[in-house]
Amino acid sequence: MTQQTEPASSSVSPSVRSIWFDRRELEQILWAYGKLVAEGECRDYAIGAFRDHAAFCMHKRTSDAPTWTVEKWPELARRQGAYSLTNASGLILKRGHELGQVLRFFDKRRFDVVD
């Protein structure tokens, strides 16, 4: 008597949906990133979509850890705000309900060097 087994693919849970940035959000993020590239603060980026959040990482150098990371956490939308901006050490620099408000962190002239 032989025992029949189901294929491995049928035992895997249904496809898990990932969280993504929508087009409007990406336009805002890429505008801020472009400004940082023009100022010489960033040279590379990476986008990640995970089951519980989306991340846009901005790198000063390709081989370095991300200098800034913009994250979208929909589960925090009603509490602290779905969007956050963190630095390379993981410190949350800004958090809010609207992405534009979080990205205003880069509007400050914090990159100007006084001789």
N, C-alpha and C. Protein backbone atom coordinates (compact mmCIF):
# COMPACT_ATOMS: atom_id res chain seq x y z
N MET A 1 0.84 -1.16 0.00
CA MET A 1 0.00 0.00 0.00
C MET A 1 0.89 1.24 0.00
N THR A 2 0.66 2.15 -0.92
CA THR A 2 1.47 3.37 -1.01
C THR A 2 0.71 4.53 -0.42
N GLN A 3 1.45 5.42 0.16
CA GLN A 3 0.85 6.61 0.77
C GLN A 3 1.03 7.78 -0.18
N GLN A 4 -0.04 8.49 -0.45
CA GLN A 4 0.03 9.64 -1.34
C GLN A 4 0.25 10.90 -0.51
N THR A 5 1.13 11.74 -1.00
CA THR A 5 1.38 13.02 -0.32
C THR A 5 0.99 14.15 -1.24
N GLU A 6 0.58 15.22 -0.64
CA GLU A 6 0.23 16.40 -1.43
C GLU A 6 1.49 17.14 -1.82
N PRO A 7 1.48 17.82 -2.96
CA PRO A 7 2.64 18.62 -3.34
C PRO A 7 2.92 19.68 -2.29
N ALA A 8 4.18 20.06 -2.17
CA ALA A 8 4.59 21.05 -1.16
C ALA A 8 3.89 22.39 -1.35
N SER A 9 3.59 22.76 -2.59
CA SER A 9 2.99 24.07 -2.84
C SER A 9 1.59 24.19 -2.25
N SER A 10 0.86 23.10 -2.14
CA SER A 10 -0.49 23.19 -1.60
C SER A 10 -0.51 23.35 -0.08
N SER A 11 0.58 22.98 0.59
CA SER A 11 0.62 23.12 2.04
C SER A 11 1.06 24.51 2.48
N VAL A 12 1.54 25.32 1.55
CA VAL A 12 1.96 26.68 1.87
C VAL A 12 0.73 27.57 1.95
N SER A 13 0.72 28.48 2.92
CA SER A 13 -0.42 29.38 3.07
C SER A 13 -0.60 30.22 1.81
N PRO A 14 -1.79 30.75 1.60
CA PRO A 14 -2.03 31.58 0.42
C PRO A 14 -1.05 32.75 0.39
N SER A 15 -0.86 33.28 -0.79
CA SER A 15 0.14 34.34 -0.95
C SER A 15 -0.10 35.49 0.03
N VAL A 16 0.98 35.91 0.64
CA VAL A 16 0.91 36.97 1.63
C VAL A 16 1.10 38.30 0.90
N ARG A 17 0.21 39.23 1.15
CA ARG A 17 0.28 40.52 0.49
C ARG A 17 1.32 41.39 1.16
N SER A 18 2.05 42.13 0.36
CA SER A 18 3.06 43.05 0.86
C SER A 18 2.52 44.47 0.89
N ILE A 19 3.08 45.27 1.77
CA ILE A 19 2.74 46.69 1.84
C ILE A 19 3.66 47.43 0.88
N TRP A 20 3.09 48.31 0.07
CA TRP A 20 3.85 49.09 -0.90
C TRP A 20 3.53 50.57 -0.74
N PHE A 21 4.41 51.41 -1.26
CA PHE A 21 4.12 52.84 -1.39
C PHE A 21 3.29 53.00 -2.65
N ASP A 22 2.28 53.88 -2.61
CA ASP A 22 1.53 54.14 -3.84
C ASP A 22 2.26 55.20 -4.67
N ARG A 23 1.74 55.50 -5.82
CA ARG A 23 2.41 56.39 -6.76
C ARG A 23 2.64 57.78 -6.18
N ARG A 24 1.63 58.33 -5.51
CA ARG A 24 1.75 59.67 -4.92
C ARG A 24 2.83 59.69 -3.85
N GLU A 25 2.86 58.66 -3.03
CA GLU A 25 3.88 58.57 -1.98
C GLU A 25 5.28 58.47 -2.58
N LEU A 26 5.42 57.65 -3.61
CA LEU A 26 6.74 57.52 -4.26
C LEU A 26 7.19 58.82 -4.90
N GLU A 27 6.26 59.56 -5.48
CA GLU A 27 6.63 60.86 -6.06
C GLU A 27 7.19 61.79 -5.00
N GLN A 28 6.55 61.83 -3.83
CA GLN A 28 7.02 62.69 -2.75
C GLN A 28 8.39 62.24 -2.24
N ILE A 29 8.55 60.95 -2.07
CA ILE A 29 9.82 60.42 -1.57
C ILE A 29 10.94 60.65 -2.58
N LEU A 30 10.68 60.40 -3.85
CA LEU A 30 11.70 60.59 -4.88
C LEU A 30 12.06 62.06 -5.05
N TRP A 31 11.11 62.97 -4.81
CA TRP A 31 11.43 64.39 -4.86
C TRP A 31 12.42 64.74 -3.76
N ALA A 32 12.16 64.27 -2.55
CA ALA A 32 13.08 64.52 -1.42
C ALA A 32 14.43 63.86 -1.68
N TYR A 33 14.41 62.64 -2.20
CA TYR A 33 15.65 61.93 -2.51
C TYR A 33 16.45 62.69 -3.58
N GLY A 34 15.77 63.18 -4.61
CA GLY A 34 16.44 63.94 -5.67
C GLY A 34 17.12 65.19 -5.13
N LYS A 35 16.47 65.83 -4.16
CA LYS A 35 17.06 67.01 -3.54
C LYS A 35 18.34 66.64 -2.79
N LEU A 36 18.31 65.50 -2.11
CA LEU A 36 19.50 65.04 -1.38
C LEU A 36 20.62 64.64 -2.34
N VAL A 37 20.27 64.09 -3.48
CA VAL A 37 21.28 63.74 -4.49
C VAL A 37 21.92 65.02 -5.03
N ALA A 38 21.12 66.03 -5.30
CA ALA A 38 21.64 67.30 -5.80
C ALA A 38 22.57 67.97 -4.79
N GLU A 39 22.30 67.78 -3.50
CA GLU A 39 23.13 68.35 -2.45
C GLU A 39 24.35 67.48 -2.14
N GLY A 40 24.44 66.31 -2.78
CA GLY A 40 25.57 65.42 -2.55
C GLY A 40 25.45 64.58 -1.30
N GLU A 41 24.26 64.51 -0.71
CA GLU A 41 24.05 63.75 0.53
C GLU A 41 23.71 62.29 0.27
N CYS A 42 23.19 61.96 -0.89
CA CYS A 42 22.82 60.58 -1.22
C CYS A 42 23.29 60.23 -2.62
N ARG A 43 23.56 58.94 -2.80
CA ARG A 43 23.97 58.46 -4.11
C ARG A 43 23.22 57.21 -4.56
N ASP A 44 22.53 56.56 -3.65
CA ASP A 44 21.86 55.31 -3.98
C ASP A 44 20.62 55.15 -3.11
N TYR A 45 19.71 54.30 -3.55
CA TYR A 45 18.51 54.03 -2.75
C TYR A 45 18.10 52.57 -2.91
N ALA A 46 17.24 52.11 -2.03
CA ALA A 46 16.68 50.77 -2.10
C ALA A 46 15.24 50.84 -1.61
N ILE A 47 14.39 50.04 -2.24
CA ILE A 47 12.98 49.98 -1.85
C ILE A 47 12.67 48.56 -1.39
N GLY A 48 11.97 48.44 -0.29
CA GLY A 48 11.57 47.13 0.20
C GLY A 48 10.10 47.08 0.53
N ALA A 49 9.45 45.99 0.19
CA ALA A 49 8.04 45.77 0.52
C ALA A 49 7.96 44.51 1.36
N PHE A 50 7.43 44.64 2.54
CA PHE A 50 7.34 43.52 3.47
C PHE A 50 5.89 43.28 3.84
N ARG A 51 5.64 42.25 4.60
CA ARG A 51 4.28 41.91 4.96
C ARG A 51 3.63 42.97 5.83
N ASP A 52 4.42 43.63 6.70
CA ASP A 52 3.84 44.59 7.63
C ASP A 52 4.24 46.03 7.38
N HIS A 53 5.22 46.29 6.52
CA HIS A 53 5.62 47.67 6.24
C HIS A 53 6.36 47.77 4.90
N ALA A 54 6.50 49.01 4.43
CA ALA A 54 7.29 49.31 3.24
C ALA A 54 8.42 50.24 3.66
N ALA A 55 9.56 50.14 2.97
CA ALA A 55 10.72 50.96 3.34
C ALA A 55 11.40 51.51 2.09
N PHE A 56 11.82 52.76 2.18
CA PHE A 56 12.62 53.41 1.15
C PHE A 56 13.89 53.87 1.84
N CYS A 57 15.01 53.24 1.51
CA CYS A 57 16.29 53.52 2.16
C CYS A 57 17.15 54.39 1.26
N MET A 58 17.72 55.44 1.82
CA MET A 58 18.60 56.36 1.11
C MET A 58 20.02 56.17 1.62
N HIS A 59 20.94 55.91 0.69
CA HIS A 59 22.32 55.61 1.05
C HIS A 59 23.25 56.74 0.61
N LYS A 60 24.18 57.10 1.47
CA LYS A 60 25.19 58.08 1.10
C LYS A 60 26.19 57.44 0.14
N ARG A 61 26.58 56.21 0.42
CA ARG A 61 27.43 55.42 -0.47
C ARG A 61 26.76 54.07 -0.66
N THR A 62 26.97 53.47 -1.81
CA THR A 62 26.32 52.20 -2.12
C THR A 62 26.66 51.12 -1.11
N SER A 63 27.89 51.09 -0.64
CA SER A 63 28.32 50.02 0.26
C SER A 63 27.96 50.27 1.72
N ASP A 64 27.46 51.44 2.05
CA ASP A 64 27.14 51.78 3.44
C ASP A 64 25.71 51.37 3.80
N ALA A 65 25.45 51.37 5.09
CA ALA A 65 24.08 51.19 5.58
C ALA A 65 23.27 52.43 5.20
N PRO A 66 21.95 52.33 5.16
CA PRO A 66 21.15 53.50 4.79
C PRO A 66 21.35 54.66 5.75
N THR A 67 21.50 55.86 5.18
CA THR A 67 21.63 57.06 5.99
C THR A 67 20.27 57.45 6.56
N TRP A 68 19.24 57.38 5.73
CA TRP A 68 17.86 57.65 6.15
C TRP A 68 16.95 56.58 5.59
N THR A 69 15.91 56.27 6.33
CA THR A 69 14.91 55.30 5.88
C THR A 69 13.53 55.86 6.12
N VAL A 70 12.73 55.92 5.05
CA VAL A 70 11.32 56.33 5.16
C VAL A 70 10.51 55.04 5.19
N GLU A 71 9.68 54.89 6.22
CA GLU A 71 8.90 53.67 6.38
C GLU A 71 7.40 53.98 6.45
N LYS A 72 6.64 53.04 5.95
CA LYS A 72 5.18 53.13 6.00
C LYS A 72 4.68 51.91 6.78
N TRP A 73 4.09 52.16 7.95
CA TRP A 73 3.54 51.13 8.82
C TRP A 73 2.03 51.36 8.93
N PRO A 74 1.21 50.76 8.08
CA PRO A 74 -0.24 51.00 8.12
C PRO A 74 -0.89 50.68 9.47
N GLU A 75 -0.34 49.73 10.22
CA GLU A 75 -0.95 49.38 11.51
C GLU A 75 -0.82 50.49 12.53
N LEU A 76 0.09 51.45 12.31
CA LEU A 76 0.26 52.58 13.23
C LEU A 76 -0.49 53.83 12.76
N ALA A 77 -1.25 53.72 11.69
CA ALA A 77 -1.90 54.89 11.09
C ALA A 77 -2.83 55.62 12.06
N ARG A 78 -3.52 54.91 12.90
CA ARG A 78 -4.47 55.56 13.81
C ARG A 78 -3.82 56.03 15.10
N ARG A 79 -2.65 55.54 15.40
CA ARG A 79 -1.99 55.92 16.65
C ARG A 79 -0.95 57.00 16.41
N GLN A 80 0.26 56.61 16.05
CA GLN A 80 1.37 57.56 15.93
C GLN A 80 1.53 58.11 14.53
N GLY A 81 0.89 57.52 13.58
CA GLY A 81 1.04 57.91 12.18
C GLY A 81 1.72 56.80 11.42
N ALA A 82 1.30 56.61 10.18
CA ALA A 82 1.80 55.49 9.39
C ALA A 82 3.23 55.70 8.89
N TYR A 83 3.69 56.94 8.83
CA TYR A 83 4.99 57.24 8.23
C TYR A 83 6.02 57.61 9.28
N SER A 84 7.25 57.15 9.05
CA SER A 84 8.34 57.52 9.95
C SER A 84 9.63 57.67 9.15
N LEU A 85 10.53 58.49 9.69
CA LEU A 85 11.85 58.71 9.11
C LEU A 85 12.87 58.37 10.17
N THR A 86 13.77 57.44 9.85
CA THR A 86 14.81 57.04 10.80
C THR A 86 16.18 57.31 10.21
N ASN A 87 17.17 57.47 11.09
CA ASN A 87 18.54 57.68 10.62
C ASN A 87 19.29 56.35 10.64
N ALA A 88 20.59 56.40 10.37
CA ALA A 88 21.41 55.19 10.24
C ALA A 88 21.48 54.39 11.54
N SER A 89 21.37 55.05 12.67
CA SER A 89 21.45 54.33 13.94
C SER A 89 20.09 53.83 14.42
N GLY A 90 19.02 54.08 13.65
CA GLY A 90 17.69 53.60 14.01
C GLY A 90 16.85 54.57 14.81
N LEU A 91 17.38 55.76 15.05
CA LEU A 91 16.64 56.79 15.80
C LEU A 91 15.54 57.36 14.92
N ILE A 92 14.32 57.42 15.43
CA ILE A 92 13.21 57.99 14.67
C ILE A 92 13.32 59.50 14.73
N LEU A 93 13.53 60.11 13.56
CA LEU A 93 13.71 61.56 13.47
C LEU A 93 12.39 62.29 13.37
N LYS A 94 11.42 61.67 12.69
CA LYS A 94 10.12 62.32 12.48
C LYS A 94 9.09 61.22 12.26
N ARG A 95 7.89 61.43 12.75
CA ARG A 95 6.80 60.48 12.57
C ARG A 95 5.53 61.27 12.35
N GLY A 96 4.63 60.77 11.52
CA GLY A 96 3.40 61.50 11.30
C GLY A 96 2.37 60.74 10.50
N HIS A 97 1.19 61.36 10.41
CA HIS A 97 0.07 60.78 9.68
C HIS A 97 0.15 61.08 8.20
N GLU A 98 0.88 62.13 7.80
CA GLU A 98 1.01 62.50 6.40
C GLU A 98 2.47 62.44 5.99
N LEU A 99 2.73 61.85 4.83
CA LEU A 99 4.10 61.68 4.35
C LEU A 99 4.77 63.02 4.09
N GLY A 100 4.04 63.97 3.53
CA GLY A 100 4.61 65.28 3.26
C GLY A 100 5.14 65.96 4.51
N GLN A 101 4.43 65.81 5.60
CA GLN A 101 4.87 66.38 6.87
C GLN A 101 6.16 65.74 7.35
N VAL A 102 6.28 64.43 7.20
CA VAL A 102 7.48 63.71 7.62
C VAL A 102 8.67 64.11 6.75
N LEU A 103 8.44 64.26 5.45
CA LEU A 103 9.53 64.61 4.54
C LEU A 103 9.97 66.07 4.66
N ARG A 104 9.21 66.89 5.37
CA ARG A 104 9.63 68.28 5.60
C ARG A 104 10.90 68.35 6.42
N PHE A 105 11.27 67.25 7.04
CA PHE A 105 12.55 67.17 7.76
C PHE A 105 13.70 67.59 6.84
N PHE A 106 13.60 67.25 5.56
CA PHE A 106 14.66 67.57 4.60
C PHE A 106 14.56 69.00 4.07
N ASP A 107 13.44 69.70 4.32
CA ASP A 107 13.29 71.07 3.87
C ASP A 107 14.15 72.03 4.67
N LYS A 108 14.43 71.67 5.90
CA LYS A 108 15.26 72.53 6.73
C LYS A 108 16.64 72.63 6.11
N ARG A 109 17.25 73.73 6.24
CA ARG A 109 18.55 73.95 5.60
C ARG A 109 19.67 73.39 6.48
N ARG A 110 19.48 72.16 6.94
CA ARG A 110 20.42 71.55 7.85
C ARG A 110 21.70 71.11 7.17
N PHE A 111 21.75 71.12 5.84
CA PHE A 111 22.94 70.64 5.15
C PHE A 111 23.85 71.78 4.71
N ASP A 112 23.46 73.02 4.97
CA ASP A 112 24.31 74.15 4.61
C ASP A 112 25.51 74.21 5.54
N VAL A 113 26.68 74.37 4.96
CA VAL A 113 27.90 74.45 5.74
C VAL A 113 28.38 75.91 5.76
N VAL A 114 28.62 76.43 6.94
CA VAL A 114 29.09 77.80 7.08
C VAL A 114 30.59 77.75 7.21
N ASP A 115 31.30 78.50 6.37
CA ASP A 115 32.77 78.54 6.43
C ASP A 115 33.27 79.52 7.45
